[in-house]
Amino acid sequence: MIEIARFADVYEAEIAAARLRADGFTPTLGGAEHAKADPLILQALGWIRLSVPDKEAILAKARLAALRSGSEAIADEGDTGSDGVAPDRNLPARLTLGAMVLAFFGLLAGR
């Protein structure tokens, strides 16, 4: 087994290992179970170690680098309308806050 990466976050390591498994690799995580049981031991363990068999190391390392670079990120086409402008996702929250402020001042005026 060859170590191809180390992670400071056990869940990030789990995601990377799961993605490599989905791509046909056979990764193992060293220290993940200990870190889940006691997160304070993570640094003493030397972080979470992602390892693969020797014959998979070069391809798995390249695959992990491609994933980390974001080269396979999927653009969310729902982020822009037909006019190319992104919708205001905070509008409902602002309307609710505005209604609450108006109600508050209405209550104060009614006293």
Protein backbone atom coordinates (compact mmCIF):
# COMPACT_ATOMS: atom_id res chain seq x y z
CA MET A 1 0.00 0.00 0.00
CA ILE A 2 1.19 3.48 -0.87
CA GLU A 3 -0.03 6.63 0.87
CA ILE A 4 -1.28 9.12 -1.72
CA ALA A 5 -2.79 11.81 0.52
CA ARG A 6 -3.35 12.98 4.08
CA PHE A 7 -6.42 14.75 5.39
CA ALA A 8 -7.01 16.86 8.47
CA ASP A 9 -10.76 16.20 8.24
CA VAL A 10 -12.03 12.64 8.56
CA TYR A 11 -15.14 13.33 6.51
CA GLU A 12 -13.18 14.86 3.64
CA ALA A 13 -11.02 11.73 3.66
CA GLU A 14 -14.14 9.54 3.57
CA ILE A 15 -15.49 11.48 0.58
CA ALA A 16 -12.19 11.17 -1.31
CA ALA A 17 -12.01 7.45 -0.59
CA ALA A 18 -15.62 6.93 -1.67
CA ARG A 19 -15.01 8.76 -4.92
CA LEU A 20 -11.90 6.69 -5.62
CA ARG A 21 -13.89 3.51 -4.87
CA ALA A 22 -16.56 4.66 -7.34
CA ASP A 23 -13.81 5.04 -9.95
CA GLY A 24 -12.63 1.46 -9.42
CA PHE A 25 -9.76 1.97 -6.97
CA THR A 26 -9.43 0.18 -3.62
CA PRO A 27 -8.42 2.87 -1.09
CA THR A 28 -8.01 2.42 2.64
CA LEU A 29 -8.05 5.08 5.32
CA GLY A 30 -5.56 4.90 8.15
CA GLY A 31 -6.66 6.46 11.41
CA ALA A 32 -10.20 7.35 10.32
CA GLU A 33 -11.95 5.21 12.92
CA HIS A 34 -9.74 6.52 15.73
CA ALA A 35 -10.40 10.10 14.64
CA LYS A 36 -14.15 9.51 14.62
CA ALA A 37 -14.02 8.14 18.14
CA ASP A 38 -11.71 10.86 19.47
CA PRO A 39 -11.13 13.88 17.19
CA LEU A 40 -8.41 15.22 19.49
CA ILE A 41 -6.16 12.28 18.60
CA LEU A 42 -6.17 13.22 14.90
CA GLN A 43 -3.00 15.30 15.00
CA ALA A 44 -1.17 12.72 17.11
CA LEU A 45 -1.99 10.08 14.48
CA GLY A 46 -0.47 12.22 11.74
CA TRP A 47 -3.86 13.01 10.14
CA ILE A 48 -5.95 10.59 8.12
CA ARG A 49 -3.87 8.66 5.59
CA LEU A 50 -5.41 7.65 2.25
CA SER A 51 -3.58 4.67 0.75
CA VAL A 52 -4.06 2.49 -2.32
CA PRO A 53 -2.36 -0.69 -3.56
CA ASP A 54 1.01 -0.13 -5.24
CA LYS A 55 -0.28 -0.85 -8.74
CA GLU A 56 -3.05 1.79 -8.40
CA ALA A 57 -0.97 4.54 -6.82
CA ILE A 58 -0.04 6.61 -9.89
CA LEU A 59 -3.54 6.63 -11.40
CA ALA A 60 -5.26 7.17 -8.05
CA LYS A 61 -2.98 10.09 -7.20
CA ALA A 62 -3.69 11.67 -10.60
CA ARG A 63 -7.42 11.12 -10.13
CA LEU A 64 -7.35 12.71 -6.70
CA ALA A 65 -5.41 15.70 -8.06
CA ALA A 66 -8.02 16.15 -10.81
CA LEU A 67 -10.81 16.05 -8.24
CA ARG A 68 -9.07 18.57 -6.01
CA SER A 69 -8.44 20.96 -8.91
CA GLY A 70 -12.15 21.22 -9.61
CA SER A 71 -11.72 20.34 -13.26
CA GLU A 72 -14.85 18.20 -13.10
CA ALA A 73 -17.05 20.73 -11.36
CA ILE A 74 -20.55 20.86 -12.77
CA ALA A 75 -21.93 24.31 -13.47
CA ASP A 76 -25.39 24.83 -12.05
CA GLU A 77 -27.35 26.14 -14.99
CA GLY A 78 -30.23 27.02 -12.70
CA ASP A 79 -28.19 29.87 -11.22
CA THR A 80 -29.11 32.32 -13.98
CA GLY A 81 -32.37 33.19 -15.58
CA SER A 82 -33.03 33.58 -19.29
CA ASP A 83 -31.65 37.13 -19.09
CA GLY A 84 -28.36 35.86 -17.61
CA VAL A 85 -29.00 37.47 -14.21
CA ALA A 86 -28.87 35.35 -11.08
CA PRO A 87 -32.08 35.36 -9.03
CA ASP A 88 -32.05 37.00 -5.63
CA ARG A 89 -32.16 34.00 -3.31
CA ASN A 90 -32.34 36.26 -0.24
CA LEU A 91 -35.54 37.99 -1.35
CA PRO A 92 -37.94 35.81 0.70
CA ALA A 93 -35.88 36.35 3.85
CA ARG A 94 -35.74 40.10 3.26
CA LEU A 95 -39.50 40.26 2.64
CA THR A 96 -40.16 38.37 5.87
CA LEU A 97 -37.84 40.65 7.81
CA GLY A 98 -39.48 43.71 6.29
CA ALA A 99 -42.94 42.44 7.25
CA MET A 100 -41.74 41.81 10.80
CA VAL A 101 -40.31 45.33 11.08
CA LEU A 102 -43.54 46.86 9.77
CA ALA A 103 -45.59 44.79 12.21
CA PHE A 104 -43.34 45.84 15.09
CA PHE A 105 -43.68 49.53 14.26
CA GLY A 106 -47.43 49.04 13.76
CA LEU A 107 -47.65 47.64 17.27
CA LEU A 108 -45.67 50.57 18.65
CA ALA A 109 -47.90 53.10 16.84
CA GLY A 110 -51.02 51.42 18.24
CA ARG A 111 -50.01 51.99 21.86
